[in-house]
């Protein structure tokens, strides 16, 4: 991974209520999980990188998607500043995928380049009908939050910097990409919605890891898990409250 090491700071910008089986295949029918909407600030080697940019305001989220609450302290700008992050100093934003809960607030990062997988950008414009709402696709009558963002498009794995690789990781979304980040504690892999909870990583009677029930390609999903297991010393889920037990990783 190189000689540069980084630190990773999770930043919560609110709490979603999600049906548990959506996150962990077939588990907990009739139950819900309260989960944070997370951004991850990565710093090291002179780089300041943001992974994911959070979701909409609570009114919009609850009306069109899922129940969502946000305290004043979790307003994106305030939450970032409280974590010691100046959005204007971010040089790169990693767009893990283009679902509505991960691609709002991009205007905060006015000096950053935005990296997305080409296949994700293409798919988001015309997804299968059952996924149109989660992408806020034009067919729904909504305008995607990223409509004014100028992206740099990637085609597969990409070495962003020494010790920081974007791993093409289709599964939950066809153009999912997950950062693999060198730290003093080993290589961290931010799994995003491929593994929203630690429960996905721990496994159950179906084996491990366990996918969620929102996915585009199950074969690709499992191959992504196999690559993750080979690469990562540590995995950070995308929506687990336990991630916030530590202020910083690495």
Protein backbone atom coordinates (compact mmCIF):
# COMPACT_ATOMS: atom_id res chain seq x y z
CA UNK A 1 0.00 0.00 0.00
CA UNK A 2 2.98 2.35 0.24
CA UNK A 3 4.58 4.30 3.07
CA UNK A 4 1.92 6.99 3.63
CA UNK A 5 -0.56 6.39 6.43
CA UNK A 6 -3.87 8.08 7.11
CA UNK A 7 -6.42 8.66 9.84
CA UNK A 8 -10.15 8.15 9.33
CA UNK A 9 -12.76 10.24 11.17
CA UNK A 10 -16.44 9.19 10.95
CA UNK A 11 -18.92 12.07 10.96
CA UNK A 12 -22.63 11.46 11.58
CA UNK A 13 -25.12 13.77 9.87
CA UNK A 14 -28.32 12.17 11.17
CA UNK A 15 -30.14 8.93 11.91
CA UNK A 16 -32.20 6.78 9.54
CA UNK A 17 -34.73 4.13 10.50
CA UNK A 18 -34.39 1.10 8.20
CA UNK A 19 -36.09 -2.28 8.08
CA UNK A 20 -33.43 -4.72 9.33
CA UNK A 21 -33.78 -7.27 6.47
CA UNK A 22 -32.80 -4.55 3.99
CA UNK A 23 -29.40 -4.43 5.68
CA UNK A 24 -28.89 -8.10 6.62
CA UNK A 25 -30.31 -10.69 4.23
CA UNK A 26 -33.56 -12.11 5.58
CA UNK A 27 -32.86 -11.31 9.21
CA UNK A 28 -35.18 -9.59 11.66
CA UNK A 29 -38.43 -9.47 9.70
CA UNK A 30 -40.74 -6.92 11.28
CA UNK A 31 -37.93 -5.10 13.09
CA UNK A 32 -36.04 -1.92 12.32
CA UNK A 33 -32.59 -0.56 13.00
CA UNK A 34 -31.66 3.04 13.71
CA UNK A 35 -28.49 3.81 11.83
CA UNK A 36 -26.25 6.82 11.30
CA UNK A 37 -25.74 8.49 7.96
CA UNK A 38 -21.97 8.74 7.83
CA UNK A 39 -19.31 10.74 6.07
CA UNK A 40 -15.68 9.66 6.51
CA UNK A 41 -12.90 12.25 6.63
CA UNK A 42 -9.51 10.84 5.66
CA UNK A 43 -6.29 12.76 6.26
CA UNK A 44 -2.65 11.93 5.63
CA UNK A 45 0.30 12.66 3.38
CA UNK A 46 -0.92 16.20 2.85
CA UNK A 47 -4.26 14.94 1.51
CA UNK A 48 -7.73 15.74 2.85
CA UNK A 49 -10.32 13.38 1.41
CA UNK A 50 -14.05 12.98 2.05
CA UNK A 51 -15.71 9.62 1.54
CA UNK A 52 -19.48 10.00 0.93
CA UNK A 53 -21.35 13.26 1.54
CA UNK A 54 -24.52 12.28 3.37
CA UNK A 55 -28.21 12.72 2.63
CA UNK A 56 -30.93 15.33 2.31
CA UNK A 57 -32.69 17.26 5.05
CA UNK A 58 -35.12 15.34 7.30
CA UNK A 59 -38.30 16.63 5.64
CA UNK A 60 -37.29 15.46 2.17
CA UNK A 61 -35.80 12.20 3.40
CA UNK A 62 -38.85 11.24 5.43
CA UNK A 63 -41.31 12.26 2.71
CA UNK A 64 -39.68 10.38 -0.16
CA UNK A 65 -37.44 7.76 1.42
CA UNK A 66 -37.12 6.68 5.06
CA UNK A 67 -37.77 8.19 8.49
CA UNK A 68 -34.80 10.43 9.22
CA UNK A 69 -33.92 12.76 12.08
CA UNK A 70 -31.06 15.22 12.51
CA UNK A 71 -30.05 17.29 15.51
CA UNK A 72 -28.70 20.81 15.07
CA UNK A 73 -25.24 19.42 15.84
CA UNK A 74 -25.62 16.99 12.94
CA UNK A 75 -26.25 19.62 10.29
CA UNK A 76 -23.55 18.68 7.76
CA UNK A 77 -21.49 21.87 7.92
CA UNK A 78 -21.67 22.06 11.69
CA UNK A 79 -20.89 18.36 12.11
CA UNK A 80 -17.84 18.65 9.89
CA UNK A 81 -16.57 21.74 11.68
CA UNK A 82 -17.06 20.05 15.05
CA UNK A 83 -14.86 17.22 13.79
CA UNK A 84 -12.18 19.73 12.81
CA UNK A 85 -12.93 19.53 9.10
CA UNK A 86 -12.93 22.57 6.83
CA UNK A 87 -14.99 21.59 3.75
CA UNK A 88 -13.13 24.13 1.63
CA UNK A 89 -9.86 22.31 2.39
CA UNK A 90 -11.08 18.96 1.04
CA UNK A 91 -9.13 18.14 -2.12
CA UNK A 92 -11.05 15.02 -3.18
CA UNK A 93 -14.52 13.59 -2.61
CA UNK A 94 -14.99 9.86 -3.12
CA UNK A 95 -18.53 9.14 -4.29
CA UNK A 96 -19.03 5.56 -3.11
CA UNK A 97 -22.29 5.35 -5.09
CA UNK A 98 -25.18 7.61 -6.06
CA UNK A 99 -27.99 6.51 -3.76
CA UNK A 100 -29.77 9.44 -2.17
CA UNK A 101 -28.31 8.94 1.33
CA UNK A 102 -24.69 9.22 0.18
CA UNK A 103 -24.51 12.02 -2.40
CA UNK A 104 -26.14 15.18 -1.01
CA UNK A 105 -24.23 18.21 0.32
CA UNK A 106 -21.62 18.12 -2.44
CA UNK A 107 -21.72 21.89 -2.77
CA UNK A 108 -19.94 22.19 0.59
CA UNK A 109 -16.73 20.92 -0.99
CA UNK A 110 -16.19 23.69 -3.49
CA UNK A 111 -12.48 23.05 -4.09
CA UNK A 112 -12.62 19.28 -4.41
CA UNK A 113 -12.53 16.91 -7.34
CA UNK A 114 -15.35 14.35 -7.30
CA UNK A 115 -14.61 10.74 -8.24
CA UNK A 116 -17.33 8.31 -9.33
CA UNK A 117 -17.34 5.07 -11.28
CA UNK A 118 -18.51 5.51 -14.87
CA UNK A 119 -20.94 2.59 -14.66
CA UNK A 120 -22.55 4.08 -11.54
CA UNK A 121 -23.13 7.45 -13.19
CA UNK A 122 -24.61 5.77 -16.25
CA UNK A 123 -26.85 3.45 -14.26
CA UNK A 124 -28.10 6.23 -11.98
CA UNK A 125 -29.54 8.05 -14.99
CA UNK A 126 -31.77 5.12 -15.93
CA UNK A 127 -31.86 2.45 -13.22
CA UNK A 128 -34.26 -0.45 -13.03
CA UNK A 129 -37.68 0.87 -11.97
CA UNK A 130 -37.45 -0.61 -8.46
CA UNK A 131 -34.29 1.44 -7.86
CA UNK A 132 -35.44 4.70 -9.46
CA UNK A 133 -36.47 6.24 -6.15
CA UNK A 134 -33.25 5.40 -4.30
CA UNK A 135 -31.33 7.16 -7.07
CA UNK A 136 -33.86 10.02 -7.32
CA UNK A 137 -33.69 9.28 -11.03
CA UNK A 138 -35.28 11.61 -13.60
CA UNK A 139 -38.10 9.10 -14.16
CA UNK A 140 -39.35 9.89 -10.64
CA UNK A 141 -39.72 13.59 -11.40
CA UNK A 142 -36.92 14.40 -8.95
CA UNK A 143 -33.67 16.15 -9.78
CA UNK A 144 -30.69 14.23 -8.39
CA UNK A 145 -28.72 16.10 -5.76
CA UNK A 146 -25.53 15.67 -7.78
CA UNK A 147 -26.97 17.14 -10.99
CA UNK A 148 -24.64 20.16 -10.89
CA UNK A 149 -21.51 18.27 -9.83
CA UNK A 150 -18.66 17.92 -12.31
CA UNK A 151 -17.39 14.38 -11.88
CA UNK A 152 -14.19 12.68 -12.86
CA UNK A 153 -15.25 9.21 -13.96
CA UNK A 154 -13.29 6.06 -13.18
CA UNK A 155 -13.27 2.64 -14.74
CA UNK A 156 -12.43 0.11 -12.06
CA UNK A 157 -9.77 0.17 -9.34
CA UNK A 158 -7.93 3.47 -8.97
CA UNK A 159 -4.85 4.41 -6.95
CA UNK A 160 -5.83 7.82 -5.64
CA UNK A 161 -2.66 8.38 -3.62
CA UNK A 162 0.14 6.47 -1.97
CA UNK A 163 -1.63 4.23 0.55
CA UNK A 164 -5.13 5.04 -0.73
CA UNK A 165 -6.83 2.87 -3.36
CA UNK A 166 -10.39 2.99 -4.61
CA UNK A 167 -11.55 -0.59 -5.08
CA UNK A 168 -14.28 -1.24 -7.64
CA UNK A 169 -16.81 -3.11 -5.51
CA UNK A 170 -20.10 -3.84 -7.31
CA UNK A 171 -22.89 -5.45 -5.34
CA UNK A 172 -25.17 -3.10 -3.46
CA UNK A 173 -24.83 -0.79 -6.47
CA UNK A 174 -23.36 -1.62 -9.89
CA UNK A 175 -20.73 1.10 -9.60
CA UNK A 176 -19.93 0.88 -5.91
CA UNK A 177 -16.37 1.81 -4.98
CA UNK A 178 -14.79 1.26 -1.57
CA UNK A 179 -11.65 2.95 -0.23
CA UNK A 180 -8.76 0.79 0.97
CA UNK A 181 -6.68 3.00 3.24
CA UNK A 182 -3.29 2.40 4.84
CA UNK A 183 -3.12 3.38 8.52
CA UNK A 184 -0.79 2.69 11.42
CA UNK A 185 -3.31 0.04 12.51
CA UNK A 186 -3.27 -1.76 9.16
CA UNK A 187 -5.37 -1.44 6.03
CA UNK A 188 -8.90 -0.17 6.58
CA UNK A 189 -11.62 -0.87 4.02
CA UNK A 190 -14.71 1.35 4.08
CA UNK A 191 -17.40 -1.08 2.96
CA UNK A 192 -20.24 1.42 2.68
CA UNK A 193 -23.59 -0.16 1.95
CA UNK A 194 -22.07 -3.44 0.80
CA UNK A 195 -21.79 -4.14 4.54
CA UNK A 196 -23.93 -1.58 6.33
CA UNK A 197 -23.62 -3.26 9.74
CA UNK A 198 -20.98 -5.22 11.63
CA UNK A 199 -23.60 -7.98 11.61
CA UNK A 200 -23.02 -8.36 7.86
CA UNK A 201 -19.35 -9.06 8.52
CA UNK A 202 -19.94 -11.47 11.41
CA UNK A 203 -22.24 -13.68 9.33
CA UNK A 204 -24.94 -16.17 10.27
CA UNK A 205 -26.31 -19.53 9.08
CA UNK A 206 -25.89 -18.36 5.48
CA UNK A 207 -22.14 -17.87 5.99
CA UNK A 208 -20.11 -14.70 6.09
CA UNK A 209 -20.14 -11.96 5.09
CA UNK A 210 -23.88 -11.56 4.57
CA UNK A 211 -25.19 -9.19 1.88
CA UNK A 212 -28.08 -6.84 2.30
CA UNK A 213 -31.28 -7.21 0.32
CA UNK A 214 -30.75 -4.11 -1.82
CA UNK A 215 -28.37 -5.16 -4.57
CA UNK A 216 -27.92 -5.16 -8.32
CA UNK A 217 -25.84 -8.31 -8.88
CA UNK A 218 -25.52 -11.03 -6.24
CA UNK A 219 -22.63 -12.81 -7.96
CA UNK A 220 -20.68 -9.57 -8.10
CA UNK A 221 -21.62 -8.87 -4.47
CA UNK A 222 -20.01 -12.10 -3.28
CA UNK A 223 -16.91 -11.57 -5.40
CA UNK A 224 -16.62 -8.11 -3.84
CA UNK A 225 -16.74 -9.72 -0.40
CA UNK A 226 -13.99 -12.16 -1.39
CA UNK A 227 -11.77 -9.30 -2.55
CA UNK A 228 -12.52 -7.38 0.63
CA UNK A 229 -11.45 -10.32 2.78
CA UNK A 230 -8.18 -10.62 0.87
CA UNK A 231 -7.34 -6.92 1.07
CA UNK A 232 -8.53 -5.63 4.41
CA UNK A 233 -7.14 -5.86 7.92
CA UNK A 234 -10.14 -3.94 9.25
CA UNK A 235 -13.56 -3.13 7.75
CA UNK A 236 -15.75 -0.14 8.58
CA UNK A 237 -19.46 -0.66 7.84
CA UNK A 238 -21.47 2.08 6.21
CA UNK A 239 -24.32 2.54 8.69
CA UNK A 240 -23.44 1.04 12.08
CA UNK A 241 -23.74 3.11 15.27
CA UNK A 242 -20.75 1.22 16.68
CA UNK A 243 -18.52 2.95 14.13
CA UNK A 244 -19.04 6.11 16.22
CA UNK A 245 -17.61 4.42 19.33
CA UNK A 246 -14.26 5.78 18.18
CA UNK A 247 -13.66 9.38 17.15
CA UNK A 248 -10.81 8.36 14.87
CA UNK A 249 -9.36 5.24 13.26
CA UNK A 250 -5.74 4.70 12.36
